[in-house]
Amino acid sequence: CASPRRLLSRCLWRPRRTESGRRVSSDDVASLRAMPEVVFNAQMTCGGCSGACTRILNKVDGVSNVDANLDTQKITVVYDTPATPEAMLEKLQVWGKNANKAVSLA
């Protein structure tokens, strides 16, 4: 349970720590709830695809969490300004074009 987003949804009964080792406060949880979320449909066939999408999106300023799910073919992104869904989609579409994969907003 390293990321605050995962703490919020999966393991609320354990002591919480961020990736840096700091305890997660109720302010951290509240800020995650307040941040907008966007979901993309992405044709991902392997861990390399999901890893590439995750790396691409984590480089966008304002992105705080990326969850690429191979089973559902969806990428969920929690973000704040200056990131926008359109900018993230554009970056994913460049990857999709190079990898011959379809990418769209869900």
Protein backbone atom coordinates (compact mmCIF):
# COMPACT_ATOMS: atom_id res chain seq x y z
CA CYS A 1 0.00 0.00 0.00
CA ALA A 2 2.47 2.63 -1.12
CA SER A 3 0.43 5.25 -2.96
CA PRO A 4 -2.18 7.40 -1.19
CA ARG A 5 -4.72 6.60 -3.93
CA ARG A 6 -4.41 2.88 -3.25
CA LEU A 7 -4.65 3.55 0.46
CA LEU A 8 -7.90 5.34 -0.10
CA SER A 9 -9.49 2.48 -1.98
CA ARG A 10 -7.90 -0.78 -0.86
CA CYS A 11 -6.36 -0.92 2.57
CA LEU A 12 -7.98 1.51 4.94
CA TRP A 13 -7.32 -0.67 7.99
CA ARG A 14 -3.48 -0.59 7.81
CA PRO A 15 -1.10 2.16 8.90
CA ARG A 16 -0.74 4.44 5.91
CA ARG A 17 2.53 5.63 4.38
CA THR A 18 3.26 7.55 1.19
CA GLU A 19 5.93 6.43 -1.27
CA SER A 20 8.43 8.63 0.60
CA GLY A 21 7.61 6.82 3.87
CA ARG A 22 5.65 9.68 5.45
CA ARG A 23 2.39 8.79 7.17
CA VAL A 24 -0.70 9.61 5.11
CA SER A 25 -2.85 12.22 6.80
CA SER A 26 -6.57 12.83 6.46
CA ASP A 27 -5.62 15.95 4.45
CA ASP A 28 -3.86 13.71 1.90
CA VAL A 29 -6.96 11.55 1.54
CA ALA A 30 -9.22 14.60 1.24
CA SER A 31 -7.00 16.14 -1.44
CA LEU A 32 -7.14 12.93 -3.51
CA ARG A 33 -10.92 12.94 -3.34
CA ALA A 34 -11.00 16.55 -4.56
CA MET A 35 -8.74 15.98 -7.57
CA PRO A 36 -10.36 15.30 -10.94
CA GLU A 37 -10.05 11.91 -12.56
CA VAL A 38 -10.15 10.91 -16.24
CA VAL A 39 -10.40 7.47 -17.83
CA PHE A 40 -8.94 6.49 -21.20
CA ASN A 41 -9.63 3.41 -23.30
CA ALA A 42 -6.30 2.08 -24.55
CA GLN A 43 -5.57 -1.03 -26.55
CA MET A 44 -2.89 -2.53 -24.30
CA THR A 45 -1.78 -6.09 -24.97
CA CYS A 46 1.09 -6.55 -22.51
CA GLY A 47 2.91 -5.13 -19.55
CA GLY A 48 5.14 -3.16 -21.89
CA CYS A 49 2.12 -1.29 -23.25
CA SER A 50 0.75 -0.47 -19.81
CA GLY A 51 4.21 0.50 -18.59
CA ALA A 52 4.74 2.82 -21.55
CA CYS A 53 1.36 4.51 -20.99
CA THR A 54 2.11 4.91 -17.29
CA ARG A 55 5.54 6.44 -17.98
CA ILE A 56 4.12 8.82 -20.60
CA LEU A 57 1.36 10.06 -18.33
CA ASN A 58 3.57 10.37 -15.25
CA LYS A 59 5.74 12.85 -17.21
CA VAL A 60 2.79 15.23 -17.63
CA ASP A 61 2.90 18.09 -15.10
CA GLY A 62 -0.01 17.84 -12.69
CA VAL A 63 -0.56 14.06 -12.93
CA SER A 64 -0.52 12.53 -9.46
CA ASN A 65 -1.57 8.91 -10.07
CA VAL A 66 -1.86 6.58 -13.07
CA ASP A 67 -3.53 3.16 -12.97
CA ALA A 68 -3.24 1.17 -16.22
CA ASN A 69 -5.43 -1.96 -16.13
CA LEU A 70 -4.66 -4.59 -18.78
CA ASP A 71 -7.81 -6.61 -18.04
CA THR A 72 -10.24 -3.75 -18.63
CA GLN A 73 -8.03 -1.93 -21.19
CA LYS A 74 -8.55 1.30 -19.22
CA ILE A 75 -6.16 3.89 -17.83
CA THR A 76 -7.39 5.95 -14.88
CA VAL A 77 -5.52 9.19 -14.18
CA VAL A 78 -5.84 11.47 -11.16
CA TYR A 79 -4.59 14.93 -12.04
CA ASP A 80 -4.60 18.61 -11.19
CA THR A 81 -3.65 21.75 -13.09
CA PRO A 82 -1.81 22.28 -15.39
CA ALA A 83 -2.67 18.80 -16.77
CA THR A 84 -5.74 18.49 -18.99
CA PRO A 85 -7.47 15.40 -20.41
CA GLU A 86 -6.88 16.71 -23.93
CA ALA A 87 -3.11 17.06 -23.39
CA MET A 88 -2.90 13.56 -21.89
CA LEU A 89 -4.97 12.12 -24.75
CA GLU A 90 -2.69 13.76 -27.29
CA LYS A 91 0.39 12.17 -25.71
CA LEU A 92 -1.29 8.75 -25.57
CA GLN A 93 -2.38 9.06 -29.20
CA VAL A 94 1.23 9.65 -30.28
CA TRP A 95 2.16 6.41 -28.49
CA GLY A 96 -0.87 4.66 -30.02
CA LYS A 97 0.06 5.74 -33.53
CA ASN A 98 3.63 4.49 -33.13
CA ALA A 99 2.50 1.20 -31.54
CA ASN A 100 -0.55 0.69 -33.81
CA LYS A 101 -2.88 0.83 -30.80
CA ALA A 102 -6.25 2.58 -30.41
CA VAL A 103 -6.57 5.22 -27.67
CA SER A 104 -9.64 7.31 -26.75
CA LEU A 105 -11.39 9.00 -23.86
CA ALA A 106 -13.72 6.59 -22.07
